[in-house]
N, C-alpha and C. Protein backbone atom coordinates (compact mmCIF):
# COMPACT_ATOMS: atom_id res chain seq x y z
N UNK A 1 13.17 -16.27 -14.70
CA UNK A 1 11.92 -16.97 -14.99
C UNK A 1 11.52 -17.87 -13.83
N UNK A 2 12.49 -18.51 -13.20
CA UNK A 2 12.20 -19.41 -12.09
C UNK A 2 11.54 -18.66 -10.94
N UNK A 3 11.99 -17.41 -10.69
CA UNK A 3 11.41 -16.64 -9.59
C UNK A 3 9.94 -16.31 -9.85
N UNK A 4 9.59 -16.05 -11.12
CA UNK A 4 8.19 -15.78 -11.47
C UNK A 4 7.34 -17.01 -11.21
N UNK A 5 7.83 -18.18 -11.59
CA UNK A 5 7.07 -19.42 -11.38
C UNK A 5 6.86 -19.68 -9.89
N UNK A 6 7.92 -19.46 -9.09
CA UNK A 6 7.81 -19.67 -7.65
C UNK A 6 6.76 -18.73 -7.05
N UNK A 7 6.77 -17.46 -7.46
CA UNK A 7 5.81 -16.49 -6.92
C UNK A 7 4.39 -16.88 -7.29
N UNK A 8 4.15 -17.26 -8.55
CA UNK A 8 2.81 -17.65 -8.99
C UNK A 8 2.32 -18.86 -8.21
N UNK A 9 3.20 -19.86 -8.04
CA UNK A 9 2.82 -21.05 -7.28
C UNK A 9 2.52 -20.70 -5.82
N UNK A 10 3.26 -19.76 -5.26
CA UNK A 10 3.02 -19.34 -3.88
C UNK A 10 1.66 -18.69 -3.75
N UNK A 11 1.33 -17.80 -4.68
CA UNK A 11 0.03 -17.13 -4.64
C UNK A 11 -1.11 -18.12 -4.80
N UNK A 12 -0.94 -19.07 -5.71
CA UNK A 12 -1.97 -20.08 -5.92
C UNK A 12 -2.16 -20.93 -4.67
N UNK A 13 -1.04 -21.30 -4.03
CA UNK A 13 -1.12 -22.12 -2.82
C UNK A 13 -1.80 -21.36 -1.69
N UNK A 14 -1.46 -20.09 -1.54
CA UNK A 14 -2.07 -19.30 -0.49
C UNK A 14 -3.57 -19.15 -0.70
N UNK A 15 -3.97 -18.93 -1.95
CA UNK A 15 -5.38 -18.76 -2.23
C UNK A 15 -6.15 -20.08 -2.12
N UNK A 16 -5.55 -21.17 -2.57
CA UNK A 16 -6.23 -22.46 -2.50
C UNK A 16 -6.47 -22.89 -1.06
N UNK A 17 -5.66 -22.40 -0.13
CA UNK A 17 -5.84 -22.70 1.28
C UNK A 17 -6.77 -21.72 1.98
N UNK A 18 -7.33 -20.79 1.21
CA UNK A 18 -8.18 -19.75 1.81
C UNK A 18 -9.44 -19.52 0.99
N UNK A 19 -10.06 -20.62 0.54
CA UNK A 19 -11.21 -20.50 -0.33
C UNK A 19 -12.40 -19.83 0.35
N UNK A 20 -12.47 -19.91 1.67
CA UNK A 20 -13.60 -19.31 2.37
C UNK A 20 -13.38 -17.83 2.63
N UNK A 21 -12.20 -17.33 2.34
CA UNK A 21 -11.93 -15.91 2.55
C UNK A 21 -12.16 -15.13 1.27
N UNK A 22 -12.50 -13.86 1.43
CA UNK A 22 -12.73 -13.00 0.28
C UNK A 22 -11.41 -12.58 -0.34
N UNK A 23 -11.34 -12.62 -1.66
CA UNK A 23 -10.15 -12.20 -2.39
C UNK A 23 -10.42 -10.86 -3.05
N UNK A 24 -9.47 -9.94 -2.89
CA UNK A 24 -9.56 -8.62 -3.51
C UNK A 24 -8.32 -8.38 -4.36
N UNK A 25 -8.50 -7.80 -5.54
CA UNK A 25 -7.41 -7.45 -6.43
C UNK A 25 -7.18 -5.95 -6.37
N UNK A 26 -5.93 -5.55 -6.14
CA UNK A 26 -5.58 -4.13 -6.06
C UNK A 26 -4.67 -3.77 -7.23
N UNK A 27 -4.89 -2.60 -7.80
CA UNK A 27 -4.07 -2.11 -8.90
C UNK A 27 -3.78 -0.63 -8.67
N UNK A 28 -2.48 -0.27 -8.72
CA UNK A 28 -2.08 1.11 -8.48
C UNK A 28 -1.10 1.56 -9.56
N UNK A 29 -1.34 2.76 -10.10
CA UNK A 29 -0.45 3.39 -11.06
C UNK A 29 0.04 4.71 -10.48
N UNK A 30 1.35 4.93 -10.54
CA UNK A 30 1.94 6.12 -9.93
C UNK A 30 2.97 6.75 -10.88
N UNK A 31 2.96 8.07 -10.92
CA UNK A 31 3.93 8.82 -11.72
C UNK A 31 4.62 9.83 -10.80
N UNK A 32 5.96 9.87 -10.85
CA UNK A 32 6.73 10.77 -9.99
C UNK A 32 7.66 11.63 -10.83
N UNK A 33 7.90 12.82 -10.34
CA UNK A 33 8.83 13.74 -10.97
C UNK A 33 9.61 14.45 -9.88
N UNK A 34 10.86 14.80 -10.16
CA UNK A 34 11.71 15.51 -9.18
C UNK A 34 12.01 16.90 -9.71
N UNK A 35 11.19 17.91 -9.34
CA UNK A 35 11.41 19.26 -9.85
C UNK A 35 12.66 19.92 -9.29
N UNK A 36 13.08 19.50 -8.09
CA UNK A 36 14.29 20.00 -7.46
C UNK A 36 15.06 18.83 -6.85
N UNK A 37 16.32 19.07 -6.56
CA UNK A 37 17.13 18.03 -5.94
C UNK A 37 16.57 17.66 -4.57
N UNK A 38 16.42 16.38 -4.31
CA UNK A 38 15.93 15.82 -3.06
C UNK A 38 14.46 16.12 -2.79
N UNK A 39 13.75 16.62 -3.80
CA UNK A 39 12.31 16.88 -3.68
C UNK A 39 11.60 16.15 -4.81
N UNK A 40 10.55 15.42 -4.49
CA UNK A 40 9.80 14.69 -5.50
C UNK A 40 8.31 14.96 -5.35
N UNK A 41 7.62 14.92 -6.48
CA UNK A 41 6.18 15.08 -6.53
C UNK A 41 5.60 13.85 -7.21
N UNK A 42 4.62 13.21 -6.59
CA UNK A 42 4.03 12.00 -7.15
C UNK A 42 2.52 12.10 -7.14
N UNK A 43 1.91 11.53 -8.17
CA UNK A 43 0.45 11.40 -8.25
C UNK A 43 0.14 9.93 -8.52
N UNK A 44 -0.97 9.44 -7.97
CA UNK A 44 -1.28 8.02 -8.09
C UNK A 44 -2.79 7.81 -8.11
N UNK A 45 -3.18 6.71 -8.73
CA UNK A 45 -4.56 6.24 -8.72
C UNK A 45 -4.56 4.76 -8.34
N UNK A 46 -5.58 4.34 -7.57
CA UNK A 46 -5.65 2.96 -7.13
C UNK A 46 -7.10 2.47 -7.16
N UNK A 47 -7.25 1.18 -7.46
CA UNK A 47 -8.57 0.54 -7.52
C UNK A 47 -8.51 -0.77 -6.75
N UNK A 48 -9.56 -1.04 -5.95
CA UNK A 48 -9.75 -2.32 -5.29
C UNK A 48 -10.95 -3.00 -5.94
N UNK A 49 -10.75 -4.22 -6.41
CA UNK A 49 -11.79 -4.95 -7.13
C UNK A 49 -11.98 -6.33 -6.50
N UNK A 50 -13.24 -6.72 -6.26
CA UNK A 50 -13.57 -8.03 -5.71
C UNK A 50 -14.20 -8.90 -6.78
N UNK A 51 -13.49 -9.93 -7.27
CA UNK A 51 -14.03 -10.77 -8.35
C UNK A 51 -15.32 -11.49 -7.97
N UNK A 52 -15.43 -11.94 -6.73
CA UNK A 52 -16.61 -12.71 -6.32
C UNK A 52 -17.90 -11.92 -6.51
N UNK A 53 -17.83 -10.61 -6.27
CA UNK A 53 -19.01 -9.76 -6.43
C UNK A 53 -18.99 -8.99 -7.74
N UNK A 54 -17.88 -9.15 -8.52
CA UNK A 54 -17.70 -8.36 -9.74
C UNK A 54 -17.93 -6.88 -9.45
N UNK A 55 -17.21 -6.40 -8.42
CA UNK A 55 -17.47 -5.07 -7.91
C UNK A 55 -16.18 -4.31 -7.63
N UNK A 56 -16.15 -3.05 -8.02
CA UNK A 56 -15.09 -2.13 -7.58
C UNK A 56 -15.50 -1.60 -6.22
N UNK A 57 -14.69 -1.88 -5.19
CA UNK A 57 -15.05 -1.52 -3.82
C UNK A 57 -14.45 -0.19 -3.38
N UNK A 58 -13.33 0.18 -3.96
CA UNK A 58 -12.66 1.41 -3.57
C UNK A 58 -11.86 1.94 -4.75
N UNK A 59 -11.86 3.26 -4.91
CA UNK A 59 -11.00 3.90 -5.90
C UNK A 59 -10.58 5.24 -5.33
N UNK A 60 -9.31 5.58 -5.54
CA UNK A 60 -8.84 6.86 -5.02
C UNK A 60 -7.76 7.44 -5.91
N UNK A 61 -7.59 8.76 -5.76
CA UNK A 61 -6.50 9.51 -6.38
C UNK A 61 -5.79 10.28 -5.28
N UNK A 62 -4.47 10.38 -5.39
CA UNK A 62 -3.71 11.07 -4.36
C UNK A 62 -2.51 11.79 -4.96
N UNK A 63 -2.01 12.75 -4.21
CA UNK A 63 -0.81 13.47 -4.60
C UNK A 63 0.07 13.63 -3.36
N UNK A 64 1.39 13.46 -3.53
CA UNK A 64 2.35 13.60 -2.44
C UNK A 64 3.52 14.46 -2.90
N UNK A 65 4.02 15.29 -2.00
CA UNK A 65 5.28 15.98 -2.21
C UNK A 65 6.21 15.58 -1.07
N UNK A 66 7.40 15.10 -1.43
CA UNK A 66 8.33 14.52 -0.45
C UNK A 66 9.67 15.22 -0.50
N UNK A 67 10.32 15.30 0.65
CA UNK A 67 11.65 15.89 0.76
C UNK A 67 12.57 14.92 1.49
N UNK A 68 13.67 14.54 0.83
CA UNK A 68 14.67 13.67 1.45
C UNK A 68 15.59 14.55 2.30
N UNK A 69 15.29 14.60 3.59
CA UNK A 69 16.05 15.47 4.49
C UNK A 69 17.48 14.99 4.66
N UNK A 70 17.64 13.69 4.89
CA UNK A 70 18.93 13.01 4.96
C UNK A 70 18.82 11.74 4.14
N UNK A 71 19.93 11.03 3.97
CA UNK A 71 19.86 9.79 3.22
C UNK A 71 19.05 8.72 3.96
N UNK A 72 18.78 8.95 5.26
CA UNK A 72 18.07 7.96 6.05
C UNK A 72 16.69 8.43 6.51
N UNK A 73 16.28 9.63 6.16
CA UNK A 73 14.97 10.13 6.60
C UNK A 73 14.33 10.97 5.49
N UNK A 74 13.04 10.74 5.30
CA UNK A 74 12.26 11.48 4.31
C UNK A 74 10.90 11.81 4.92
N UNK A 75 10.42 13.03 4.65
CA UNK A 75 9.08 13.38 5.10
C UNK A 75 8.27 13.85 3.89
N UNK A 76 6.96 13.73 3.99
CA UNK A 76 6.11 14.09 2.86
C UNK A 76 4.75 14.55 3.34
N UNK A 77 4.10 15.36 2.50
CA UNK A 77 2.74 15.80 2.71
C UNK A 77 1.91 15.31 1.53
N UNK A 78 0.69 14.86 1.81
CA UNK A 78 -0.14 14.35 0.73
C UNK A 78 -1.61 14.63 0.94
N UNK A 79 -2.37 14.39 -0.12
CA UNK A 79 -3.83 14.53 -0.06
C UNK A 79 -4.45 13.45 -0.94
N UNK A 80 -5.50 12.82 -0.43
CA UNK A 80 -6.18 11.75 -1.15
C UNK A 80 -7.68 12.00 -1.19
N UNK A 81 -8.25 11.76 -2.36
CA UNK A 81 -9.71 11.73 -2.49
C UNK A 81 -10.11 10.33 -2.89
N UNK A 82 -10.98 9.72 -2.10
CA UNK A 82 -11.37 8.34 -2.37
C UNK A 82 -12.88 8.19 -2.36
N UNK A 83 -13.33 7.12 -3.01
CA UNK A 83 -14.74 6.74 -3.03
C UNK A 83 -14.84 5.28 -2.61
N UNK A 84 -15.66 5.03 -1.59
CA UNK A 84 -15.86 3.68 -1.06
C UNK A 84 -17.26 3.21 -1.43
N UNK A 85 -17.32 2.06 -2.09
CA UNK A 85 -18.60 1.48 -2.49
C UNK A 85 -19.20 0.77 -1.27
N UNK A 86 -20.10 1.45 -0.56
CA UNK A 86 -20.61 0.89 0.69
C UNK A 86 -21.76 -0.09 0.46
N UNK A 87 -22.52 0.08 -0.64
CA UNK A 87 -23.61 -0.86 -0.91
C UNK A 87 -24.22 -0.59 -2.27
N UNK A 88 -24.10 -1.58 -3.16
CA UNK A 88 -24.80 -1.55 -4.45
C UNK A 88 -24.62 -0.23 -5.21
N UNK A 89 -23.40 0.24 -5.29
CA UNK A 89 -23.13 1.44 -6.06
C UNK A 89 -23.35 2.75 -5.33
N UNK A 90 -23.66 2.68 -4.03
CA UNK A 90 -23.74 3.91 -3.22
C UNK A 90 -22.34 4.23 -2.70
N UNK A 91 -21.78 5.34 -3.14
CA UNK A 91 -20.39 5.66 -2.87
C UNK A 91 -20.26 6.65 -1.72
N UNK A 92 -19.35 6.34 -0.79
CA UNK A 92 -19.02 7.23 0.31
C UNK A 92 -17.75 7.98 -0.04
N UNK A 93 -17.83 9.31 -0.08
CA UNK A 93 -16.69 10.15 -0.44
C UNK A 93 -15.84 10.47 0.79
N UNK A 94 -14.53 10.47 0.57
CA UNK A 94 -13.60 10.82 1.65
C UNK A 94 -12.49 11.71 1.11
N UNK A 95 -12.12 12.72 1.88
CA UNK A 95 -10.93 13.53 1.62
C UNK A 95 -9.97 13.33 2.79
N UNK A 96 -8.67 13.19 2.45
CA UNK A 96 -7.71 12.79 3.48
C UNK A 96 -6.38 13.53 3.33
N UNK A 97 -6.12 14.58 4.12
CA UNK A 97 -4.77 15.14 4.19
C UNK A 97 -3.88 14.22 5.02
N UNK A 98 -2.58 14.12 4.64
CA UNK A 98 -1.68 13.18 5.29
C UNK A 98 -0.29 13.78 5.47
N UNK A 99 0.37 13.36 6.54
CA UNK A 99 1.77 13.71 6.79
C UNK A 99 2.51 12.43 7.13
N UNK A 100 3.64 12.19 6.44
CA UNK A 100 4.36 10.92 6.56
C UNK A 100 5.84 11.16 6.84
N UNK A 101 6.42 10.32 7.72
CA UNK A 101 7.86 10.31 7.96
C UNK A 101 8.36 8.89 7.73
N UNK A 102 9.41 8.75 6.92
CA UNK A 102 9.96 7.44 6.58
C UNK A 102 11.44 7.40 6.98
N UNK A 103 11.79 6.41 7.81
CA UNK A 103 13.17 6.21 8.24
C UNK A 103 13.73 4.98 7.54
N UNK A 104 14.96 5.09 7.02
CA UNK A 104 15.56 4.03 6.22
C UNK A 104 16.92 3.66 6.80
N UNK A 105 17.18 2.35 6.89
CA UNK A 105 18.46 1.86 7.39
C UNK A 105 18.95 0.75 6.48
N UNK A 106 20.14 0.90 5.91
CA UNK A 106 20.77 -0.12 5.08
C UNK A 106 21.81 -0.88 5.89
N UNK A 107 21.70 -2.21 5.86
CA UNK A 107 22.69 -3.07 6.51
C UNK A 107 23.20 -4.03 5.45
N UNK A 108 24.42 -3.75 4.97
CA UNK A 108 25.00 -4.46 3.84
C UNK A 108 24.03 -4.38 2.65
N UNK A 109 23.53 -5.52 2.15
CA UNK A 109 22.64 -5.48 0.99
C UNK A 109 21.16 -5.53 1.37
N UNK A 110 20.86 -5.46 2.67
CA UNK A 110 19.49 -5.47 3.15
C UNK A 110 19.06 -4.04 3.48
N UNK A 111 17.76 -3.80 3.40
CA UNK A 111 17.25 -2.46 3.71
C UNK A 111 16.00 -2.57 4.59
N UNK A 112 15.98 -1.78 5.66
CA UNK A 112 14.83 -1.68 6.55
C UNK A 112 14.24 -0.28 6.41
N UNK A 113 12.93 -0.20 6.43
CA UNK A 113 12.28 1.12 6.45
C UNK A 113 11.13 1.08 7.44
N UNK A 114 10.97 2.19 8.17
CA UNK A 114 9.93 2.33 9.17
C UNK A 114 9.19 3.63 8.90
N UNK A 115 7.89 3.52 8.66
CA UNK A 115 7.09 4.68 8.28
C UNK A 115 5.99 4.95 9.30
N UNK A 116 5.74 6.24 9.53
CA UNK A 116 4.63 6.68 10.36
C UNK A 116 3.86 7.75 9.60
N UNK A 117 2.54 7.58 9.55
CA UNK A 117 1.72 8.55 8.82
C UNK A 117 0.54 8.98 9.68
N UNK A 118 0.37 10.28 9.78
CA UNK A 118 -0.80 10.85 10.45
C UNK A 118 -1.75 11.36 9.38
N UNK A 119 -3.02 10.97 9.47
CA UNK A 119 -4.00 11.36 8.48
C UNK A 119 -5.29 11.80 9.15
N UNK A 120 -6.01 12.69 8.47
CA UNK A 120 -7.31 13.14 8.95
C UNK A 120 -8.34 12.77 7.91
N UNK A 121 -9.26 11.88 8.27
CA UNK A 121 -10.25 11.36 7.34
C UNK A 121 -11.53 12.20 7.44
N UNK A 122 -11.87 12.88 6.35
CA UNK A 122 -13.06 13.73 6.29
C UNK A 122 -14.10 13.08 5.38
N UNK A 123 -15.29 12.84 5.92
CA UNK A 123 -16.37 12.21 5.18
C UNK A 123 -17.53 13.18 5.02
N UNK A 124 -18.23 13.07 3.89
CA UNK A 124 -19.42 13.88 3.68
C UNK A 124 -20.61 13.36 4.47
N UNK A 125 -20.65 12.03 4.68
CA UNK A 125 -21.82 11.42 5.32
C UNK A 125 -21.45 10.55 6.51
N UNK A 126 -20.35 10.87 7.17
CA UNK A 126 -19.94 10.11 8.35
C UNK A 126 -19.06 11.00 9.22
N UNK A 127 -18.70 10.50 10.41
CA UNK A 127 -17.90 11.29 11.34
C UNK A 127 -16.44 11.32 10.90
N UNK A 128 -15.81 12.48 11.05
CA UNK A 128 -14.40 12.64 10.73
C UNK A 128 -13.55 12.19 11.92
N UNK A 129 -12.31 11.78 11.63
CA UNK A 129 -11.42 11.40 12.72
C UNK A 129 -9.98 11.36 12.23
N UNK A 130 -9.05 11.48 13.19
CA UNK A 130 -7.63 11.30 12.92
C UNK A 130 -7.29 9.81 12.98
N UNK A 131 -6.28 9.41 12.19
CA UNK A 131 -5.82 8.03 12.20
C UNK A 131 -4.31 8.00 12.04
N UNK A 132 -3.69 7.01 12.67
CA UNK A 132 -2.24 6.82 12.56
C UNK A 132 -1.95 5.49 11.88
N UNK A 133 -1.06 5.53 10.90
CA UNK A 133 -0.61 4.32 10.21
C UNK A 133 0.87 4.14 10.47
N UNK A 134 1.26 2.93 10.84
CA UNK A 134 2.68 2.61 10.96
C UNK A 134 2.97 1.41 10.07
N UNK A 135 4.18 1.38 9.52
CA UNK A 135 4.55 0.30 8.61
C UNK A 135 6.03 -0.01 8.76
N UNK A 136 6.35 -1.29 8.73
CA UNK A 136 7.74 -1.75 8.77
C UNK A 136 7.97 -2.64 7.55
N UNK A 137 9.04 -2.34 6.80
CA UNK A 137 9.32 -3.08 5.57
C UNK A 137 10.76 -3.55 5.56
N UNK A 138 10.96 -4.77 5.04
CA UNK A 138 12.29 -5.39 4.97
C UNK A 138 12.53 -5.85 3.55
N UNK A 139 13.53 -5.24 2.87
CA UNK A 139 13.89 -5.59 1.50
C UNK A 139 15.10 -6.52 1.50
N UNK A 140 14.98 -7.64 0.80
CA UNK A 140 16.09 -8.56 0.64
C UNK A 140 17.02 -8.07 -0.47
N UNK A 141 18.23 -8.60 -0.55
CA UNK A 141 19.17 -8.19 -1.62
C UNK A 141 18.61 -8.52 -3.00
N UNK A 142 19.06 -7.77 -4.00
CA UNK A 142 18.66 -8.02 -5.39
C UNK A 142 19.08 -9.42 -5.81
N UNK A 143 18.23 -10.07 -6.60
CA UNK A 143 18.55 -11.40 -7.10
C UNK A 143 18.84 -11.40 -8.60
N UNK A 144 18.71 -10.23 -9.23
CA UNK A 144 19.07 -10.08 -10.64
C UNK A 144 19.76 -8.74 -10.83
N UNK A 145 20.41 -8.58 -11.94
CA UNK A 145 21.14 -7.34 -12.21
C UNK A 145 20.20 -6.19 -12.51
N UNK A 146 18.93 -6.47 -12.86
CA UNK A 146 17.99 -5.37 -13.14
C UNK A 146 17.16 -5.01 -11.90
N UNK A 147 17.52 -5.54 -10.74
CA UNK A 147 16.92 -5.06 -9.51
C UNK A 147 15.77 -5.88 -8.95
N UNK A 148 15.55 -7.10 -9.44
CA UNK A 148 14.48 -7.93 -8.88
C UNK A 148 14.83 -8.28 -7.43
N UNK A 149 13.86 -8.12 -6.54
CA UNK A 149 14.10 -8.44 -5.14
C UNK A 149 12.79 -8.79 -4.44
N UNK A 150 12.88 -9.62 -3.41
CA UNK A 150 11.74 -9.95 -2.56
C UNK A 150 11.71 -9.01 -1.36
N UNK A 151 10.52 -8.86 -0.78
CA UNK A 151 10.38 -8.07 0.43
C UNK A 151 9.22 -8.59 1.27
N UNK A 152 9.24 -8.27 2.54
CA UNK A 152 8.13 -8.54 3.45
C UNK A 152 7.85 -7.24 4.21
N UNK A 153 6.60 -7.05 4.58
CA UNK A 153 6.24 -5.84 5.31
C UNK A 153 4.96 -6.06 6.11
N UNK A 154 4.71 -5.12 7.00
CA UNK A 154 3.46 -5.11 7.76
C UNK A 154 3.02 -3.67 7.95
N UNK A 155 1.72 -3.49 8.16
CA UNK A 155 1.20 -2.17 8.47
C UNK A 155 -0.05 -2.32 9.33
N UNK A 156 -0.29 -1.32 10.17
CA UNK A 156 -1.48 -1.31 11.00
C UNK A 156 -2.01 0.11 11.10
N UNK A 157 -3.31 0.22 11.34
CA UNK A 157 -4.00 1.51 11.36
C UNK A 157 -4.73 1.66 12.68
N UNK A 158 -4.47 2.80 13.35
CA UNK A 158 -5.03 3.09 14.66
C UNK A 158 -5.92 4.33 14.58
N UNK A 159 -7.21 4.15 14.87
CA UNK A 159 -8.12 5.29 14.95
C UNK A 159 -7.84 6.06 16.24
N UNK A 160 -7.68 7.39 16.11
CA UNK A 160 -7.37 8.21 17.28
C UNK A 160 -8.62 8.82 17.92
N UNK A 161 -9.77 8.25 17.61
CA UNK A 161 -11.02 8.70 18.23
C UNK A 161 -11.45 7.79 19.37
N UNK A 162 -10.53 6.92 19.81
CA UNK A 162 -10.84 6.00 20.90
C UNK A 162 -11.18 4.59 20.45
N UNK A 163 -11.34 4.39 19.13
CA UNK A 163 -11.73 3.07 18.62
C UNK A 163 -10.56 2.11 18.53
N UNK A 164 -9.33 2.63 18.55
CA UNK A 164 -8.15 1.77 18.55
C UNK A 164 -7.82 1.20 17.18
N UNK A 165 -7.02 0.13 17.17
CA UNK A 165 -6.60 -0.51 15.93
C UNK A 165 -7.79 -1.20 15.27
N UNK A 166 -7.97 -0.93 13.98
CA UNK A 166 -9.11 -1.52 13.27
C UNK A 166 -8.72 -2.20 11.97
N UNK A 167 -7.43 -2.12 11.59
CA UNK A 167 -7.00 -2.67 10.32
C UNK A 167 -5.52 -3.02 10.40
N UNK A 168 -5.17 -4.21 9.89
CA UNK A 168 -3.76 -4.64 9.88
C UNK A 168 -3.52 -5.54 8.68
N UNK A 169 -2.31 -5.46 8.13
CA UNK A 169 -1.96 -6.28 6.97
C UNK A 169 -0.50 -6.74 7.08
N UNK A 170 -0.23 -7.94 6.56
CA UNK A 170 1.14 -8.40 6.35
C UNK A 170 1.29 -8.69 4.86
N UNK A 171 2.46 -8.38 4.31
CA UNK A 171 2.70 -8.50 2.88
C UNK A 171 3.91 -9.37 2.61
N UNK A 172 3.86 -10.07 1.50
CA UNK A 172 5.06 -10.65 0.89
C UNK A 172 5.00 -10.29 -0.59
N UNK A 173 6.10 -9.77 -1.11
CA UNK A 173 6.03 -9.26 -2.47
C UNK A 173 7.33 -9.42 -3.24
N UNK A 174 7.23 -9.08 -4.50
CA UNK A 174 8.37 -9.16 -5.41
C UNK A 174 8.42 -7.88 -6.24
N UNK A 175 9.53 -7.17 -6.12
CA UNK A 175 9.78 -6.07 -7.05
C UNK A 175 10.40 -6.70 -8.29
N UNK A 176 9.55 -6.90 -9.31
CA UNK A 176 9.96 -7.67 -10.48
C UNK A 176 10.91 -6.89 -11.38
N UNK A 177 10.69 -5.59 -11.49
CA UNK A 177 11.53 -4.73 -12.33
C UNK A 177 11.84 -3.47 -11.54
N UNK A 178 13.10 -3.08 -11.49
CA UNK A 178 13.51 -1.85 -10.80
C UNK A 178 14.50 -1.12 -11.70
N UNK A 179 13.95 -0.31 -12.59
CA UNK A 179 14.76 0.48 -13.50
C UNK A 179 14.79 1.93 -13.03
N UNK A 180 15.60 2.74 -13.69
CA UNK A 180 15.73 4.14 -13.30
C UNK A 180 14.41 4.88 -13.41
N UNK A 181 13.57 4.50 -14.38
CA UNK A 181 12.33 5.24 -14.61
C UNK A 181 11.09 4.37 -14.58
N UNK A 182 11.22 3.11 -14.14
CA UNK A 182 10.06 2.22 -14.20
C UNK A 182 10.21 1.09 -13.20
N UNK A 183 9.15 0.86 -12.38
CA UNK A 183 9.12 -0.23 -11.40
C UNK A 183 7.84 -1.05 -11.58
N UNK A 184 7.95 -2.37 -11.38
CA UNK A 184 6.79 -3.26 -11.31
C UNK A 184 6.87 -4.01 -9.99
N UNK A 185 5.78 -3.95 -9.24
CA UNK A 185 5.74 -4.54 -7.91
C UNK A 185 4.53 -5.46 -7.80
N UNK A 186 4.75 -6.75 -7.50
CA UNK A 186 3.68 -7.73 -7.30
C UNK A 186 3.70 -8.17 -5.84
N UNK A 187 2.50 -8.35 -5.24
CA UNK A 187 2.48 -8.72 -3.83
C UNK A 187 1.21 -9.47 -3.45
N UNK A 188 1.32 -10.17 -2.32
CA UNK A 188 0.17 -10.80 -1.66
C UNK A 188 0.09 -10.25 -0.25
N UNK A 189 -1.13 -10.02 0.24
CA UNK A 189 -1.31 -9.52 1.59
C UNK A 189 -2.43 -10.28 2.29
N UNK A 190 -2.21 -10.57 3.55
CA UNK A 190 -3.25 -11.11 4.42
C UNK A 190 -3.78 -9.95 5.25
N UNK A 191 -5.07 -9.67 5.15
CA UNK A 191 -5.66 -8.50 5.78
C UNK A 191 -6.62 -8.89 6.90
N UNK A 192 -6.54 -8.15 8.02
CA UNK A 192 -7.47 -8.28 9.13
C UNK A 192 -8.15 -6.92 9.32
N UNK A 193 -9.49 -6.92 9.25
CA UNK A 193 -10.25 -5.69 9.39
C UNK A 193 -11.34 -5.89 10.43
N UNK A 194 -11.55 -4.87 11.25
CA UNK A 194 -12.51 -4.96 12.35
C UNK A 194 -13.83 -4.32 11.95
N UNK A 195 -14.91 -5.11 12.01
CA UNK A 195 -16.25 -4.62 11.74
C UNK A 195 -17.17 -5.06 12.87
N UNK A 196 -17.80 -4.07 13.54
CA UNK A 196 -18.75 -4.37 14.62
C UNK A 196 -18.14 -5.32 15.66
N UNK A 197 -16.91 -4.98 16.08
CA UNK A 197 -16.18 -5.74 17.11
C UNK A 197 -15.80 -7.15 16.68
N UNK A 198 -15.85 -7.43 15.39
CA UNK A 198 -15.45 -8.74 14.88
C UNK A 198 -14.35 -8.55 13.84
N UNK A 199 -13.29 -9.37 13.94
CA UNK A 199 -12.18 -9.29 13.00
C UNK A 199 -12.43 -10.22 11.83
N UNK A 200 -12.41 -9.66 10.63
CA UNK A 200 -12.62 -10.41 9.40
C UNK A 200 -11.31 -10.52 8.64
N UNK A 201 -11.06 -11.70 8.07
CA UNK A 201 -9.82 -11.97 7.34
C UNK A 201 -10.09 -12.04 5.85
N UNK A 202 -9.23 -11.43 5.06
CA UNK A 202 -9.36 -11.48 3.61
C UNK A 202 -7.97 -11.53 2.97
N UNK A 203 -7.94 -11.88 1.68
CA UNK A 203 -6.70 -11.98 0.93
C UNK A 203 -6.65 -10.88 -0.13
N UNK A 204 -5.46 -10.38 -0.36
CA UNK A 204 -5.25 -9.33 -1.35
C UNK A 204 -4.11 -9.74 -2.28
N UNK A 205 -4.32 -9.61 -3.58
CA UNK A 205 -3.25 -9.75 -4.57
C UNK A 205 -3.18 -8.43 -5.32
N UNK A 206 -1.98 -7.86 -5.40
CA UNK A 206 -1.85 -6.52 -5.94
C UNK A 206 -0.74 -6.37 -6.97
N UNK A 207 -0.88 -5.32 -7.77
CA UNK A 207 0.10 -4.93 -8.78
C UNK A 207 0.26 -3.42 -8.73
N UNK A 208 1.50 -2.96 -8.56
CA UNK A 208 1.84 -1.54 -8.60
C UNK A 208 2.76 -1.25 -9.78
N UNK A 209 2.43 -0.23 -10.54
CA UNK A 209 3.29 0.26 -11.62
C UNK A 209 3.71 1.70 -11.28
N UNK A 210 5.03 1.95 -11.30
CA UNK A 210 5.56 3.27 -10.96
C UNK A 210 6.43 3.79 -12.09
N UNK A 211 6.24 5.07 -12.42
CA UNK A 211 7.00 5.71 -13.49
C UNK A 211 7.66 6.97 -12.94
N UNK A 212 8.94 7.15 -13.23
CA UNK A 212 9.68 8.37 -12.90
C UNK A 212 9.98 9.12 -14.19
N UNK A 213 9.60 10.40 -14.23
CA UNK A 213 9.83 11.20 -15.44
C UNK A 213 10.65 12.42 -15.11
């Protein structure tokens, strides 16, 4: 219970110090199944909501199939269909095939993971382009017997059409529940996004629910 109170107070403190920044709430639900040993199939839906505008800004559905090649490396193929609310309910459609490689290293009770993802963003009303995402995540040891643990991570996105890095985030989060078939993940992220050669800062508070069947 004390860890929950600390996390809530941290989120409140971070937001109270950033009243001039836009706050976005993210919610993701994911279901995974393992049809074969070391192979998993997952489907997910995610929504980005901005309370200040009372607006859903982004929603997407995706599917991934992953293969654990070794205990320290996993690769996966995925596809995402998303809708971006660009202005007053005008939605921009995107289709995105993706290829991901995840490297994992355990050092005693700590875990490091390094991910690289290549994606091709296809738009109906905009130019298509390749993009690279890299992410580094650090998991702290469990603090409860049911798997509660803190983590920190970062990710950045590089457009491969010559535009360079246009999006970056740092995260601090809590895996509140880690059961064999059910996970709850709460997090805060500081986001930097580039628009018209200007970097804009915003805050993200998110909740992920994951189910293994």
